[in-house]
Amino acid sequence: MTYPPDNSGGYPPAGGYGYPTPPPQGYGPPPPRSPWSSPLVIAAIVLGVVVVLGAGVGAYLLLRGSDGSDEAAASSSTTTTTAPGVTQVPGGASTSTTTTTTTLTQARPSPTVSGADWQGFLSGPRCNAADDPAVAIGRTARSRVVICQVGDQTGRYYYKGAADAGEIEVGFPQHVGNTFIARNGSVTYTVSPSALVIADGGVTQSTEPMLEYWAAS
């Protein structure tokens, strides 16, 4: 085999005979390009980061708003009035409740007879039960008389009278106009705005003019 002449001093040229000559330094095919350097991939990564950050911020604001609404709901709770106690409401707040009971007092008459109140004379005679009101009170020079009603039972009365001889009580006097007639056996006591008339067996025993008289309207 004959080698062509060269000026290499007897050495074959670079690469040897029959071998490809290596490319000059700095030349040759470029290295493969990384897929991560693609503009589309970079844009997708940036978009994903933005989406993740936006979701995180939205979740934080949502939770913060929920806590604020709970606090607002708790602070706007109202106080009701029932039996004493404490009611727990969402958010840890509480409302106390109190009941106010109103008792209605029945209106009592105000007699104009001296020494008397709504149940008769302070020194007697007086109506028996604590809720029996007087419907008529009279005073003569000798006697004091009271017509009492049984509680709130309109039409159910009893008569009480007092004089020097003592006191007497007669049930179920008859009410005719502005007059009350109480019968105790053969004796009757007729009370009117003008007089107290006492009769026995139909015969008048005494007529005592009223000095003071009051009747419920």
C-alpha atoms as a PDB file:
ATOM      1  CA  MET A   1       0.000   0.000   0.000  1.00  0.00           C
ATOM      2  CA  THR A   2       1.363   3.333  -1.006  1.00  0.00           C
ATOM      3  CA  TYR A   3       0.864   6.317   1.289  1.00  0.00           C
ATOM      4  CA  PRO A   4       0.601   9.682  -0.240  1.00  0.00           C
ATOM      5  CA  PRO A   5       3.322  12.088   0.568  1.00  0.00           C
ATOM      6  CA  ASP A   6       2.813  14.528   3.312  1.00  0.00           C
ATOM      7  CA  ASN A   7       4.686  17.026   5.301  1.00  0.00           C
ATOM      8  CA  SER A   8       3.895  15.486   8.677  1.00  0.00           C
ATOM      9  CA  GLY A   9       7.281  14.026   9.220  1.00  0.00           C
ATOM     10  CA  GLY A  10       6.262  10.482   8.362  1.00  0.00           C
ATOM     11  CA  TYR A  11       3.129  10.324  10.447  1.00  0.00           C
ATOM     12  CA  PRO A  12      -0.173   9.809   8.839  1.00  0.00           C
ATOM     13  CA  PRO A  13      -2.474  12.798   8.795  1.00  0.00           C
ATOM     14  CA  ALA A  14      -4.791  13.371  11.710  1.00  0.00           C
ATOM     15  CA  GLY A  15      -7.438  10.716  11.874  1.00  0.00           C
ATOM     16  CA  GLY A  16      -5.266   8.164  10.170  1.00  0.00           C
ATOM     17  CA  TYR A  17      -5.625   6.967   6.716  1.00  0.00           C
ATOM     18  CA  GLY A  18      -9.121   5.781   5.995  1.00  0.00           C
ATOM     19  CA  TYR A  19     -10.531   7.411   9.145  1.00  0.00           C
ATOM     20  CA  PRO A  20     -12.638  10.550   9.146  1.00  0.00           C
ATOM     21  CA  THR A  21     -10.847  13.650  10.134  1.00  0.00           C
ATOM     22  CA  PRO A  22     -12.193  14.960  13.532  1.00  0.00           C
ATOM     23  CA  PRO A  23     -13.962  18.260  13.203  1.00  0.00           C
ATOM     24  CA  PRO A  24     -12.126  21.353  14.176  1.00  0.00           C
ATOM     25  CA  GLN A  25     -12.366  22.482  17.812  1.00  0.00           C
ATOM     26  CA  GLY A  26     -15.633  24.313  18.489  1.00  0.00           C
ATOM     27  CA  TYR A  27     -17.519  22.780  15.583  1.00  0.00           C
ATOM     28  CA  GLY A  28     -19.881  19.854  15.316  1.00  0.00           C
ATOM     29  CA  PRO A  29     -23.629  19.323  15.869  1.00  0.00           C
ATOM     30  CA  PRO A  30     -25.168  21.384  18.746  1.00  0.00           C
ATOM     31  CA  PRO A  31     -26.085  19.503  21.949  1.00  0.00           C
ATOM     32  CA  PRO A  32     -29.707  18.357  22.218  1.00  0.00           C
ATOM     33  CA  ARG A  33     -31.995  21.153  23.494  1.00  0.00           C
ATOM     34  CA  SER A  34     -33.693  20.651  26.890  1.00  0.00           C
ATOM     35  CA  PRO A  35     -37.517  20.402  26.626  1.00  0.00           C
ATOM     36  CA  TRP A  36     -37.780  22.706  29.703  1.00  0.00           C
ATOM     37  CA  SER A  37     -36.340  25.595  27.736  1.00  0.00           C
ATOM     38  CA  SER A  38     -39.345  25.696  25.383  1.00  0.00           C
ATOM     39  CA  PRO A  39     -41.309  29.017  25.593  1.00  0.00           C
ATOM     40  CA  LEU A  40     -44.585  27.105  25.778  1.00  0.00           C
ATOM     41  CA  VAL A  41     -43.369  25.020  28.714  1.00  0.00           C
ATOM     42  CA  ILE A  42     -42.077  28.115  30.519  1.00  0.00           C
ATOM     43  CA  ALA A  43     -45.387  29.910  29.963  1.00  0.00           C
ATOM     44  CA  ALA A  44     -47.315  26.881  31.274  1.00  0.00           C
ATOM     45  CA  ILE A  45     -45.143  26.739  34.397  1.00  0.00           C
ATOM     46  CA  VAL A  46     -45.611  30.464  35.067  1.00  0.00           C
ATOM     47  CA  LEU A  47     -49.387  30.133  34.568  1.00  0.00           C
ATOM     48  CA  GLY A  48     -49.531  27.175  36.948  1.00  0.00           C
ATOM     49  CA  VAL A  49     -47.655  29.107  39.628  1.00  0.00           C
ATOM     50  CA  VAL A  50     -50.040  32.054  39.231  1.00  0.00           C
ATOM     51  CA  VAL A  51     -53.090  29.765  39.488  1.00  0.00           C
ATOM     52  CA  VAL A  52     -51.756  28.063  42.633  1.00  0.00           C
ATOM     53  CA  LEU A  53     -50.970  31.413  44.280  1.00  0.00           C
ATOM     54  CA  GLY A  54     -54.409  32.762  43.342  1.00  0.00           C
ATOM     55  CA  ALA A  55     -56.153  29.712  44.796  1.00  0.00           C
ATOM     56  CA  GLY A  56     -54.205  30.071  48.033  1.00  0.00           C
ATOM     57  CA  VAL A  57     -55.053  33.768  48.361  1.00  0.00           C
ATOM     58  CA  GLY A  58     -58.724  33.076  47.588  1.00  0.00           C
ATOM     59  CA  ALA A  59     -58.894  30.337  50.225  1.00  0.00           C
ATOM     60  CA  TYR A  60     -57.294  32.640  52.802  1.00  0.00           C
ATOM     61  CA  LEU A  61     -59.746  35.463  52.059  1.00  0.00           C
ATOM     62  CA  LEU A  62     -62.687  33.037  52.161  1.00  0.00           C
ATOM     63  CA  LEU A  63     -61.670  31.675  55.561  1.00  0.00           C
ATOM     64  CA  ARG A  64     -61.034  35.187  56.876  1.00  0.00           C
ATOM     65  CA  GLY A  65     -64.442  36.341  55.641  1.00  0.00           C
ATOM     66  CA  SER A  66     -66.129  33.315  57.255  1.00  0.00           C
ATOM     67  CA  ASP A  67     -64.512  34.090  60.609  1.00  0.00           C
ATOM     68  CA  GLY A  68     -65.548  37.737  60.327  1.00  0.00           C
ATOM     69  CA  SER A  69     -69.158  36.823  59.546  1.00  0.00           C
ATOM     70  CA  ASP A  70     -69.231  34.481  62.548  1.00  0.00           C
ATOM     71  CA  GLU A  71     -67.930  37.268  64.776  1.00  0.00           C
ATOM     72  CA  ALA A  72     -70.467  39.705  63.321  1.00  0.00           C
ATOM     73  CA  ALA A  73     -73.270  37.207  63.886  1.00  0.00           C
ATOM     74  CA  ALA A  74     -72.122  36.665  67.457  1.00  0.00           C
ATOM     75  CA  SER A  75     -71.841  40.384  68.158  1.00  0.00           C
ATOM     76  CA  SER A  76     -75.300  41.062  66.698  1.00  0.00           C
ATOM     77  CA  SER A  77     -77.060  38.519  68.908  1.00  0.00           C
ATOM     78  CA  THR A  78     -79.947  40.030  70.846  1.00  0.00           C
ATOM     79  CA  THR A  79     -81.038  39.655  74.443  1.00  0.00           C
ATOM     80  CA  THR A  80     -84.489  38.266  75.021  1.00  0.00           C
ATOM     81  CA  THR A  81     -86.489  38.416  78.191  1.00  0.00           C
ATOM     82  CA  THR A  82     -87.612  34.847  79.768  1.00  0.00           C
ATOM     83  CA  ALA A  83     -86.632  32.808  82.878  1.00  0.00           C
ATOM     84  CA  PRO A  84     -83.151  33.661  84.180  1.00  0.00           C
ATOM     85  CA  GLY A  85     -80.548  31.623  82.288  1.00  0.00           C
ATOM     86  CA  VAL A  86     -77.834  31.654  79.610  1.00  0.00           C
ATOM     87  CA  THR A  87     -78.244  30.397  76.024  1.00  0.00           C
ATOM     88  CA  GLN A  88     -75.182  29.450  73.968  1.00  0.00           C
ATOM     89  CA  VAL A  89     -75.161  30.670  70.352  1.00  0.00           C
ATOM     90  CA  PRO A  90     -72.789  29.793  67.434  1.00  0.00           C
ATOM     91  CA  GLY A  91     -69.381  31.422  67.690  1.00  0.00           C
ATOM     92  CA  GLY A  92     -69.070  31.013  71.476  1.00  0.00           C
ATOM     93  CA  ALA A  93     -71.195  34.045  72.336  1.00  0.00           C
ATOM     94  CA  SER A  94     -74.088  33.794  74.773  1.00  0.00           C
ATOM     95  CA  THR A  95     -77.308  35.618  75.454  1.00  0.00           C
ATOM     96  CA  SER A  96     -78.883  35.922  78.878  1.00  0.00           C
ATOM     97  CA  THR A  97     -82.649  35.732  79.182  1.00  0.00           C
ATOM     98  CA  THR A  98     -84.901  37.213  81.801  1.00  0.00           C
ATOM     99  CA  THR A  99     -88.650  36.974  82.278  1.00  0.00           C
ATOM    100  CA  THR A 100     -90.603  39.924  83.531  1.00  0.00           C
ATOM    101  CA  THR A 101     -93.916  38.997  85.165  1.00  0.00           C
ATOM    102  CA  THR A 102     -96.549  41.673  85.456  1.00  0.00           C
ATOM    103  CA  THR A 103     -99.270  41.173  88.037  1.00  0.00           C
ATOM    104  CA  LEU A 104    -102.498  42.986  87.334  1.00  0.00           C
ATOM    105  CA  THR A 105    -104.091  44.350  90.481  1.00  0.00           C
ATOM    106  CA  GLN A 106    -107.868  44.616  90.441  1.00  0.00           C
ATOM    107  CA  ALA A 107    -109.028  48.191  90.816  1.00  0.00           C
ATOM    108  CA  ARG A 108    -110.381  48.793  94.335  1.00  0.00           C
ATOM    109  CA  PRO A 109    -113.132  51.268  95.145  1.00  0.00           C
ATOM    110  CA  SER A 110    -112.451  54.372  97.224  1.00  0.00           C
ATOM    111  CA  PRO A 111    -115.385  54.917  99.615  1.00  0.00           C
ATOM    112  CA  THR A 112    -116.146  58.473 100.704  1.00  0.00           C
ATOM    113  CA  VAL A 113    -117.381  57.428 104.171  1.00  0.00           C
ATOM    114  CA  SER A 114    -115.035  58.492 106.976  1.00  0.00           C
ATOM    115  CA  GLY A 115    -113.170  55.683 108.741  1.00  0.00           C
ATOM    116  CA  ALA A 116    -113.860  53.228 105.885  1.00  0.00           C
ATOM    117  CA  ASP A 117    -111.883  51.612 103.059  1.00  0.00           C
ATOM    118  CA  TRP A 118    -112.796  49.338 100.149  1.00  0.00           C
ATOM    119  CA  GLN A 119    -113.865  46.513 102.526  1.00  0.00           C
ATOM    120  CA  GLY A 120    -115.832  48.463 105.118  1.00  0.00           C
ATOM    121  CA  PHE A 121    -115.094  50.263 108.367  1.00  0.00           C
ATOM    122  CA  LEU A 122    -111.574  50.029 109.762  1.00  0.00           C
ATOM    123  CA  SER A 123    -113.042  49.458 113.238  1.00  0.00           C
ATOM    124  CA  GLY A 124    -115.799  47.135 111.895  1.00  0.00           C
ATOM    125  CA  PRO A 125    -117.926  45.853 110.483  1.00  0.00           C
ATOM    126  CA  ARG A 126    -115.819  44.713 107.489  1.00  0.00           C
ATOM    127  CA  CYS A 127    -116.140  42.209 104.669  1.00  0.00           C
ATOM    128  CA  ASN A 128    -114.945  38.711 105.580  1.00  0.00           C
ATOM    129  CA  ALA A 129    -112.606  37.424 102.840  1.00  0.00           C
ATOM    130  CA  ALA A 130    -109.515  39.284 101.695  1.00  0.00           C
ATOM    131  CA  ASP A 131    -110.913  39.661  98.161  1.00  0.00           C
ATOM    132  CA  ASP A 132    -114.525  40.576  99.121  1.00  0.00           C
ATOM    133  CA  PRO A 133    -115.180  44.232  98.223  1.00  0.00           C
ATOM    134  CA  ALA A 134    -117.824  46.441  99.824  1.00  0.00           C
ATOM    135  CA  VAL A 135    -120.509  47.614  97.380  1.00  0.00           C
ATOM    136  CA  ALA A 136    -122.337  49.884  99.875  1.00  0.00           C
ATOM    137  CA  ILE A 137    -121.288  51.530 103.155  1.00  0.00           C
ATOM    138  CA  GLY A 138    -123.471  53.655 105.414  1.00  0.00           C
ATOM    139  CA  ARG A 139    -123.239  55.402 108.782  1.00  0.00           C
ATOM    140  CA  THR A 140    -126.075  56.611 110.949  1.00  0.00           C
ATOM    141  CA  ALA A 141    -126.001  58.219 114.380  1.00  0.00           C
ATOM    142  CA  ARG A 142    -126.412  54.762 115.930  1.00  0.00           C
ATOM    143  CA  SER A 143    -125.293  52.139 113.378  1.00  0.00           C
ATOM    144  CA  ARG A 144    -122.672  51.249 110.776  1.00  0.00           C
ATOM    145  CA  VAL A 145    -123.693  48.991 107.879  1.00  0.00           C
ATOM    146  CA  VAL A 146    -121.760  47.336 105.022  1.00  0.00           C
ATOM    147  CA  ILE A 147    -123.056  45.369 102.023  1.00  0.00           C
ATOM    148  CA  CYS A 148    -120.291  43.019 100.799  1.00  0.00           C
ATOM    149  CA  GLN A 149    -119.898  41.146  97.509  1.00  0.00           C
ATOM    150  CA  VAL A 150    -118.534  37.586  97.437  1.00  0.00           C
ATOM    151  CA  GLY A 151    -115.262  37.954  95.518  1.00  0.00           C
ATOM    152  CA  ASP A 152    -115.932  38.854  91.887  1.00  0.00           C
ATOM    153  CA  GLN A 153    -119.343  37.112  91.855  1.00  0.00           C
ATOM    154  CA  THR A 154    -121.671  39.925  90.919  1.00  0.00           C
ATOM    155  CA  GLY A 155    -125.088  39.521  92.576  1.00  0.00           C
ATOM    156  CA  ARG A 156    -123.862  37.483  95.567  1.00  0.00           C
ATOM    157  CA  TYR A 157    -123.923  39.715  98.662  1.00  0.00           C
ATOM    158  CA  TYR A 158    -124.072  39.593 102.449  1.00  0.00           C
ATOM    159  CA  TYR A 159    -125.038  42.246 104.998  1.00  0.00           C
ATOM    160  CA  LYS A 160    -122.979  43.240 108.051  1.00  0.00           C
ATOM    161  CA  GLY A 161    -124.170  45.754 110.652  1.00  0.00           C
ATOM    162  CA  ALA A 162    -122.888  47.044 113.962  1.00  0.00           C
ATOM    163  CA  ALA A 163    -124.555  49.103 116.732  1.00  0.00           C
ATOM    164  CA  ASP A 164    -124.271  49.545 120.482  1.00  0.00           C
ATOM    165  CA  ALA A 165    -125.875  46.127 121.008  1.00  0.00           C
ATOM    166  CA  GLY A 166    -123.266  44.340 118.865  1.00  0.00           C
ATOM    167  CA  GLU A 167    -122.766  43.129 115.286  1.00  0.00           C
ATOM    168  CA  ILE A 168    -124.922  41.023 112.983  1.00  0.00           C
ATOM    169  CA  GLU A 169    -124.356  39.309 109.638  1.00  0.00           C
ATOM    170  CA  VAL A 170    -127.145  38.305 107.260  1.00  0.00           C
ATOM    171  CA  GLY A 171    -126.613  36.410 104.016  1.00  0.00           C
ATOM    172  CA  PHE A 172    -128.156  36.958 100.603  1.00  0.00           C
ATOM    173  CA  PRO A 173    -129.753  40.402 100.921  1.00  0.00           C
ATOM    174  CA  GLN A 174    -132.132  41.345  98.111  1.00  0.00           C
ATOM    175  CA  HIS A 175    -130.912  44.113  95.807  1.00  0.00           C
ATOM    176  CA  VAL A 176    -133.687  46.309  94.407  1.00  0.00           C
ATOM    177  CA  GLY A 177    -132.596  49.487  92.622  1.00  0.00           C
ATOM    178  CA  ASN A 178    -130.381  51.379  95.060  1.00  0.00           C
ATOM    179  CA  THR A 179    -131.773  49.496  98.101  1.00  0.00           C
ATOM    180  CA  PHE A 180    -130.587  46.332  99.855  1.00  0.00           C
ATOM    181  CA  ILE A 181    -133.024  44.310 102.015  1.00  0.00           C
ATOM    182  CA  ALA A 182    -131.548  41.704 104.406  1.00  0.00           C
ATOM    183  CA  ARG A 183    -133.938  39.293 106.233  1.00  0.00           C
ATOM    184  CA  ASN A 184    -133.045  37.558 109.489  1.00  0.00           C
ATOM    185  CA  GLY A 185    -136.126  35.593 110.471  1.00  0.00           C
ATOM    186  CA  SER A 186    -138.930  38.113 111.028  1.00  0.00           C
ATOM    187  CA  VAL A 187    -136.513  41.052 111.185  1.00  0.00           C
ATOM    188  CA  THR A 188    -135.566  43.009 108.042  1.00  0.00           C
ATOM    189  CA  TYR A 189    -132.778  45.537 107.529  1.00  0.00           C
ATOM    190  CA  THR A 190    -133.397  47.913 104.631  1.00  0.00           C
ATOM    191  CA  VAL A 191    -130.350  49.931 103.581  1.00  0.00           C
ATOM    192  CA  SER A 192    -130.773  52.866 101.183  1.00  0.00           C
ATOM    193  CA  PRO A 193    -128.872  56.108 100.517  1.00  0.00           C
ATOM    194  CA  SER A 194    -131.343  57.935 102.800  1.00  0.00           C
ATOM    195  CA  ALA A 195    -131.779  55.632 105.844  1.00  0.00           C
ATOM    196  CA  LEU A 196    -131.405  52.315 107.629  1.00  0.00           C
ATOM    197  CA  VAL A 197    -134.873  50.973 108.428  1.00  0.00           C
ATOM    198  CA  ILE A 198    -135.232  48.048 110.853  1.00  0.00           C
ATOM    199  CA  ALA A 199    -138.590  46.246 110.987  1.00  0.00           C
ATOM    200  CA  ASP A 200    -139.846  43.167 112.860  1.00  0.00           C
ATOM    201  CA  GLY A 201    -142.847  41.219 111.576  1.00  0.00           C
ATOM    202  CA  GLY A 202    -143.556  44.017 109.119  1.00  0.00           C
ATOM    203  CA  VAL A 203    -143.636  46.628 111.892  1.00  0.00           C
ATOM    204  CA  THR A 204    -140.958  49.341 111.704  1.00  0.00           C
ATOM    205  CA  GLN A 205    -138.849  49.369 114.819  1.00  0.00           C
ATOM    206  CA  SER A 206    -136.476  52.224 113.886  1.00  0.00           C
ATOM    207  CA  THR A 207    -135.594  54.543 111.030  1.00  0.00           C
ATOM    208  CA  GLU A 208    -132.040  55.860 111.160  1.00  0.00           C
ATOM    209  CA  PRO A 209    -131.181  58.608 108.632  1.00  0.00           C
ATOM    210  CA  MET A 210    -127.863  58.227 106.866  1.00  0.00           C
ATOM    211  CA  LEU A 211    -125.162  60.658 107.913  1.00  0.00           C
ATOM    212  CA  GLU A 212    -122.728  59.285 105.316  1.00  0.00           C
ATOM    213  CA  TYR A 213    -123.415  56.848 102.500  1.00  0.00           C
ATOM    214  CA  TRP A 214    -121.391  55.426  99.595  1.00  0.00           C
ATOM    215  CA  ALA A 215    -122.239  52.833  96.937  1.00  0.00           C
ATOM    216  CA  ALA A 216    -120.109  51.348  94.173  1.00  0.00           C
ATOM    217  CA  SER A 217    -121.082  52.516  90.707  1.00  0.00           C
END
